């Protein structure tokens, strides 16, 4: 069998396709800015879009990386499920659940950041387990159960975080005032970006998760069984694999990754949290915007490191 060259590899083709999509998007955006902004379309609009974090170096770069962390984690969540033959459309709800439980634990129970992070992962994993169990034992498509759980998680979040809001505003209490120990430490990373306070160890944590996902899927027997179950459920069953367990564990891991996504940014900042109905408590982000993080996986590919680079 003839070995494929670099230009023929699926990874290179995926990368080129992503770059072409980005270029087309930028061109269309520039045309829209020209129609709306005229002379200032380039200097005040398009130039800032192109430069991104470089527009306000070095703190701007730090902000861009921090903003990418939830995208990376949601991307890893959906990519992990993709590689095992499942579509985790419920990543948005798992993301919301992680933000809710972690933030509530930080404010109401005064727990340190690492315990809040573990609880956020557990909350996302729990929602994932529900989807996996429904798929396994009731033959409910994970897309249907995921979408339903998204909205259940959203409105439960609105209800729960109302109990820890500031008495004189529609926002939850500031973590800086309510529980400083819940803020994720920077360990000096903020100094690399002109003291940008939102830059913390959340970034190395996201990198670590990408590495772990890659190792599990490609270098372990467990990952092989997960992928085999996803590719052919019945074949895995006849080969002696625990197919029901594998489906549930796939969704548990995917849910945990998504649940971790918001909290490592929520506990890295000092912003107040909007509790307005229809919005995610973690960042004032609507469910529709959270769903965009899931949709980006289709463009970024389902490989862990592609997702990391694409979301950045």
Protein backbone atom coordinates (compact mmCIF):
# COMPACT_ATOMS: atom_id res chain seq x y z
CA UNK A 1 0.00 0.00 0.00
CA UNK A 2 1.40 3.35 -1.04
CA UNK A 3 2.13 5.65 1.86
CA UNK A 4 0.30 8.96 1.80
CA UNK A 5 2.32 12.15 1.58
CA UNK A 6 1.84 15.06 3.96
CA UNK A 7 -0.32 16.88 1.42
CA UNK A 8 -2.56 13.83 1.08
CA UNK A 9 -3.01 13.18 4.80
CA UNK A 10 -6.45 13.70 6.30
CA UNK A 11 -4.99 15.97 8.97
CA UNK A 12 -3.50 18.36 6.41
CA UNK A 13 -6.73 18.42 4.40
CA UNK A 14 -8.71 19.20 7.57
CA UNK A 15 -6.30 22.00 8.47
CA UNK A 16 -6.52 23.53 4.99
CA UNK A 17 -10.31 23.32 5.03
CA UNK A 18 -10.40 25.13 8.37
CA UNK A 19 -8.06 27.87 7.10
CA UNK A 20 -10.17 28.34 3.96
CA UNK A 21 -13.30 28.71 6.12
CA UNK A 22 -11.53 31.34 8.25
CA UNK A 23 -10.36 33.32 5.19
CA UNK A 24 -13.82 33.26 3.61
CA UNK A 25 -15.37 34.39 6.89
CA UNK A 26 -12.91 37.26 7.19
CA UNK A 27 -13.56 38.40 3.63
CA UNK A 28 -17.32 38.33 4.09
CA UNK A 29 -16.96 40.19 7.39
CA UNK A 30 -14.78 42.84 5.75
CA UNK A 31 -17.37 43.39 3.02
CA UNK A 32 -20.06 43.86 5.68
CA UNK A 33 -17.85 46.34 7.56
CA UNK A 34 -17.25 48.26 4.33
CA UNK A 35 -20.99 48.56 3.79
CA UNK A 36 -21.61 49.69 7.36
CA UNK A 37 -18.47 51.61 8.31
CA UNK A 38 -17.09 53.13 5.15
CA UNK A 39 -13.65 54.68 5.64
CA UNK A 40 -13.19 53.32 9.18
CA UNK A 41 -14.07 49.76 8.21
CA UNK A 42 -10.41 48.74 8.09
CA UNK A 43 -8.74 50.92 10.72
CA UNK A 44 -11.34 50.57 13.51
CA UNK A 45 -12.93 47.25 12.60
CA UNK A 46 -11.16 44.78 10.36
CA UNK A 47 -7.68 45.58 11.68
CA UNK A 48 -8.76 44.82 15.25
CA UNK A 49 -10.37 41.55 14.14
CA UNK A 50 -7.17 40.48 12.34
CA UNK A 51 -4.90 41.39 15.21
CA UNK A 52 -7.13 39.81 17.85
CA UNK A 53 -5.17 39.64 21.10
CA UNK A 54 -2.23 41.41 19.46
CA UNK A 55 -4.35 44.57 19.34
CA UNK A 56 -3.60 45.20 23.02
CA UNK A 57 -0.38 43.30 23.62
CA UNK A 58 0.43 41.53 25.84
CA UNK A 59 -2.71 41.57 28.00
CA UNK A 60 -4.92 41.18 24.94
CA UNK A 61 -3.24 37.89 24.07
CA UNK A 62 -3.92 36.64 27.58
CA UNK A 63 -7.59 37.57 27.29
CA UNK A 64 -7.87 35.80 23.94
CA UNK A 65 -6.36 32.60 25.34
CA UNK A 66 -8.63 32.70 28.39
CA UNK A 67 -11.66 33.19 26.15
CA UNK A 68 -10.60 30.15 24.13
CA UNK A 69 -10.46 27.83 27.17
CA UNK A 70 -14.23 27.09 27.35
CA UNK A 71 -14.23 26.55 23.58
CA UNK A 72 -11.35 24.10 23.93
CA UNK A 73 -13.05 22.13 26.70
CA UNK A 74 -16.41 21.95 24.91
CA UNK A 75 -14.56 21.03 21.73
CA UNK A 76 -12.73 18.23 23.52
CA UNK A 77 -16.01 17.02 24.98
CA UNK A 78 -17.77 16.74 21.65
CA UNK A 79 -14.63 15.44 19.90
CA UNK A 80 -14.26 12.66 22.48
CA UNK A 81 -17.83 11.53 21.88
CA UNK A 82 -17.34 11.82 18.10
CA UNK A 83 -14.35 9.51 18.18
CA UNK A 84 -16.47 6.89 19.91
CA UNK A 85 -19.41 7.20 17.52
CA UNK A 86 -21.66 9.48 19.60
CA UNK A 87 -22.77 13.08 19.08
CA UNK A 88 -22.70 14.91 22.41
CA UNK A 89 -25.09 17.73 21.56
CA UNK A 90 -25.69 17.93 25.32
CA UNK A 91 -22.27 19.53 25.89
CA UNK A 92 -23.94 22.93 26.26
CA UNK A 93 -26.12 21.68 29.12
CA UNK A 94 -23.17 19.94 30.76
CA UNK A 95 -21.23 23.19 30.45
CA UNK A 96 -24.06 25.05 32.17
CA UNK A 97 -24.40 22.42 34.91
CA UNK A 98 -20.69 22.63 35.70
CA UNK A 99 -20.89 26.41 35.99
CA UNK A 100 -23.95 26.20 38.23
CA UNK A 101 -22.68 23.58 40.68
CA UNK A 102 -19.15 24.97 40.85
CA UNK A 103 -20.25 28.57 41.38
CA UNK A 104 -22.89 27.59 43.94
CA UNK A 105 -20.33 25.52 45.86
CA UNK A 106 -17.90 28.44 45.84
CA UNK A 107 -20.39 30.99 47.16
CA UNK A 108 -22.79 28.98 49.32
CA UNK A 109 -20.45 26.32 50.70
CA UNK A 110 -17.24 28.39 50.67
CA UNK A 111 -15.24 25.57 49.08
CA UNK A 112 -11.75 26.08 47.59
CA UNK A 113 -11.31 26.23 43.83
CA UNK A 114 -10.09 22.66 43.35
CA UNK A 115 -13.15 21.19 45.10
CA UNK A 116 -15.43 23.47 43.08
CA UNK A 117 -13.71 22.26 39.93
CA UNK A 118 -14.21 18.61 40.88
CA UNK A 119 -17.89 19.26 41.60
CA UNK A 120 -18.29 21.01 38.25
CA UNK A 121 -16.76 18.01 36.48
CA UNK A 122 -19.06 15.68 38.44
CA UNK A 123 -22.13 17.75 37.48
CA UNK A 124 -21.28 17.61 33.77
CA UNK A 125 -20.47 13.90 34.04
CA UNK A 126 -23.83 13.27 35.74
CA UNK A 127 -25.75 14.83 32.84
CA UNK A 128 -23.60 12.85 30.42
CA UNK A 129 -24.37 9.65 32.34
CA UNK A 130 -28.10 10.31 32.01
CA UNK A 131 -27.80 10.62 28.23
CA UNK A 132 -25.63 7.51 28.08
CA UNK A 133 -28.02 5.48 30.25
CA UNK A 134 -31.03 6.57 28.17
CA UNK A 135 -29.19 5.56 25.01
CA UNK A 136 -28.16 2.20 26.45
CA UNK A 137 -31.23 1.03 28.32
CA UNK A 138 -34.09 2.91 26.64
CA UNK A 139 -32.66 3.33 23.11
CA UNK A 140 -33.16 7.10 23.30
CA UNK A 141 -30.96 8.95 20.82
CA UNK A 142 -28.29 10.99 22.61
CA UNK A 143 -29.16 14.00 20.44
CA UNK A 144 -32.75 14.03 21.70
CA UNK A 145 -31.85 13.47 25.35
CA UNK A 146 -28.97 15.95 25.09
CA UNK A 147 -31.14 18.78 23.76
CA UNK A 148 -33.77 18.19 26.43
CA UNK A 149 -31.18 18.11 29.20
CA UNK A 150 -29.64 21.34 27.87
CA UNK A 151 -32.78 23.31 28.70
CA UNK A 152 -33.43 21.47 31.94
CA UNK A 153 -29.91 22.35 33.08
CA UNK A 154 -30.31 25.97 32.00
CA UNK A 155 -33.50 26.64 33.95
CA UNK A 156 -32.32 24.72 37.00
CA UNK A 157 -29.24 26.91 36.92
CA UNK A 158 -31.39 30.04 36.84
CA UNK A 159 -33.34 28.70 39.81
CA UNK A 160 -30.37 27.57 41.92
CA UNK A 161 -28.10 30.57 41.45
CA UNK A 162 -30.92 32.92 42.40
CA UNK A 163 -30.31 31.73 45.97
CA UNK A 164 -26.74 33.09 45.97
CA UNK A 165 -27.29 36.39 44.18
CA UNK A 166 -26.37 39.75 45.61
CA UNK A 167 -29.32 41.12 47.64
CA UNK A 168 -29.32 44.47 45.84
CA UNK A 169 -28.71 43.35 42.26
CA UNK A 170 -29.68 40.63 39.77
CA UNK A 171 -26.13 39.28 39.89
CA UNK A 172 -24.55 36.59 42.00
CA UNK A 173 -22.02 37.65 44.58
CA UNK A 174 -18.49 38.43 43.47
CA UNK A 175 -16.07 35.60 44.19
CA UNK A 176 -13.45 38.12 45.28
CA UNK A 177 -15.67 39.27 48.14
CA UNK A 178 -17.63 36.09 48.84
CA UNK A 179 -14.87 33.47 48.70
CA UNK A 180 -11.36 34.43 47.50
CA UNK A 181 -10.19 30.83 47.97
CA UNK A 182 -12.44 29.84 45.06
CA UNK A 183 -10.37 31.89 42.61
CA UNK A 184 -8.02 29.71 40.58
CA UNK A 185 -4.39 30.76 41.21
CA UNK A 186 -2.24 32.14 38.42
CA UNK A 187 1.09 30.84 39.78
CA UNK A 188 2.80 33.77 38.10
CA UNK A 189 1.30 33.23 34.63
CA UNK A 190 -0.45 36.61 34.74
CA UNK A 191 2.97 38.31 34.78
CA UNK A 192 3.58 37.02 31.27
CA UNK A 193 0.59 39.05 30.07
CA UNK A 194 1.13 42.39 31.80
CA UNK A 195 -0.63 41.32 34.98
CA UNK A 196 -3.88 40.29 33.28
CA UNK A 197 -5.82 38.85 36.26
CA UNK A 198 -7.90 36.39 34.26
CA UNK A 199 -4.81 34.47 33.14
CA UNK A 200 -4.46 31.50 35.51
CA UNK A 201 -3.51 27.83 35.51
CA UNK A 202 -6.76 27.25 33.59
CA UNK A 203 -4.69 27.36 30.40
CA UNK A 204 -2.25 24.57 31.44
CA UNK A 205 -5.25 22.58 32.69
CA UNK A 206 -6.88 22.77 29.25
CA UNK A 207 -3.62 21.64 27.62
CA UNK A 208 -3.39 18.76 30.10
CA UNK A 209 -6.94 17.66 29.29
CA UNK A 210 -6.18 17.67 25.55
CA UNK A 211 -3.15 15.45 26.16
CA UNK A 212 -5.11 13.07 28.39
CA UNK A 213 -7.92 12.72 25.85
CA UNK A 214 -5.40 11.92 23.12
CA UNK A 215 -3.61 9.35 25.29
CA UNK A 216 -6.85 7.65 26.35
CA UNK A 217 -8.21 7.38 22.82
CA UNK A 218 -5.03 6.37 21.04
CA UNK A 219 -2.75 4.66 23.54
CA UNK A 220 -4.96 2.62 25.86
CA UNK A 221 -7.04 -0.53 25.65
CA UNK A 222 -9.89 1.37 27.27
CA UNK A 223 -9.87 3.96 24.48
CA UNK A 224 -9.77 1.23 21.82
CA UNK A 225 -12.83 -0.42 23.33
CA UNK A 226 -14.68 2.90 23.46
CA UNK A 227 -13.98 3.54 19.78
CA UNK A 228 -14.86 -0.03 18.81
CA UNK A 229 -18.18 0.23 20.62
CA UNK A 230 -18.97 3.47 18.86
CA UNK A 231 -18.07 2.16 15.41
CA UNK A 232 -20.13 -1.02 15.74
CA UNK A 233 -22.15 -1.60 18.89
CA UNK A 234 -23.15 -5.17 18.02
CA UNK A 235 -19.64 -6.20 16.94
CA UNK A 236 -18.22 -4.93 20.21
CA UNK A 237 -20.84 -6.91 22.08
CA UNK A 238 -19.98 -10.15 20.29
CA UNK A 239 -16.26 -9.54 20.89
CA UNK A 240 -16.90 -9.65 24.62
CA UNK A 241 -16.65 -5.92 25.28
CA UNK A 242 -18.95 -4.32 27.84
CA UNK A 243 -20.80 -2.25 25.29
CA UNK A 244 -23.37 -0.73 27.67
CA UNK A 245 -20.69 0.35 30.09
CA UNK A 246 -18.61 1.83 27.27
CA UNK A 247 -21.44 4.00 25.96
CA UNK A 248 -22.20 5.37 29.42
CA UNK A 249 -18.53 5.97 30.26
CA UNK A 250 -18.05 7.79 26.96
CA UNK A 251 -20.82 10.22 27.83
CA UNK A 252 -19.58 10.53 31.43
CA UNK A 253 -16.10 11.56 30.28
CA UNK A 254 -17.47 13.89 27.60
CA UNK A 255 -19.81 15.47 30.15
CA UNK A 256 -17.01 15.95 32.65
CA UNK A 257 -14.88 17.77 30.08
CA UNK A 258 -17.74 20.13 29.20
CA UNK A 259 -18.61 20.69 32.87
CA UNK A 260 -15.04 21.72 33.53
CA UNK A 261 -15.10 24.21 30.65
CA UNK A 262 -16.90 27.15 32.19
CA UNK A 263 -15.72 26.91 35.76
CA UNK A 264 -12.01 27.20 35.01
CA UNK A 265 -12.84 30.61 33.53
CA UNK A 266 -15.55 31.55 36.04
CA UNK A 267 -13.17 30.97 38.96
CA UNK A 268 -10.37 32.75 37.15
CA UNK A 269 -12.11 36.12 37.06
CA UNK A 270 -13.74 38.59 39.39
CA UNK A 271 -16.79 39.45 37.30
CA UNK A 272 -20.31 39.35 38.68
CA UNK A 273 -22.64 36.69 37.29
CA UNK A 274 -25.80 37.56 35.41
CA UNK A 275 -28.83 35.58 36.59
CA UNK A 276 -31.18 36.86 33.91
CA UNK A 277 -33.50 34.12 32.61
CA UNK A 278 -32.23 32.46 29.45
CA UNK A 279 -28.60 33.17 30.18
CA UNK A 280 -25.81 30.98 31.42
CA UNK A 281 -24.85 31.97 34.95
CA UNK A 282 -21.14 31.51 34.34
CA UNK A 283 -20.54 34.29 31.84
CA UNK A 284 -23.81 35.95 30.91
CA UNK A 285 -23.74 33.78 27.81
CA UNK A 286 -26.94 32.64 26.14
CA UNK A 287 -27.63 28.98 25.43
CA UNK A 288 -27.46 29.75 21.72
CA UNK A 289 -23.90 31.04 22.15
CA UNK A 290 -22.94 28.01 24.22
CA UNK A 291 -24.24 25.81 21.41
CA UNK A 292 -21.87 27.53 18.99
CA UNK A 293 -19.01 26.00 20.94
CA UNK A 294 -20.44 22.58 20.10
CA UNK A 295 -20.89 23.44 16.42
CA UNK A 296 -17.25 24.53 16.10
CA UNK A 297 -16.17 20.92 16.54
CA UNK A 298 -17.50 20.11 13.07
CA UNK A 299 -15.17 22.71 11.56
CA UNK A 300 -12.21 21.99 13.84
CA UNK A 301 -12.20 18.22 13.37
CA UNK A 302 -12.61 15.54 16.02
CA UNK A 303 -8.96 15.10 17.01
CA UNK A 304 -8.02 16.50 20.46
CA UNK A 305 -4.99 18.54 19.36
CA UNK A 306 -6.81 19.88 16.30
CA UNK A 307 -9.53 21.11 18.61
CA UNK A 308 -6.99 22.79 20.88
CA UNK A 309 -5.30 24.60 18.02
CA UNK A 310 -8.51 25.41 16.18
CA UNK A 311 -10.24 27.00 19.17
CA UNK A 312 -7.16 29.12 19.90
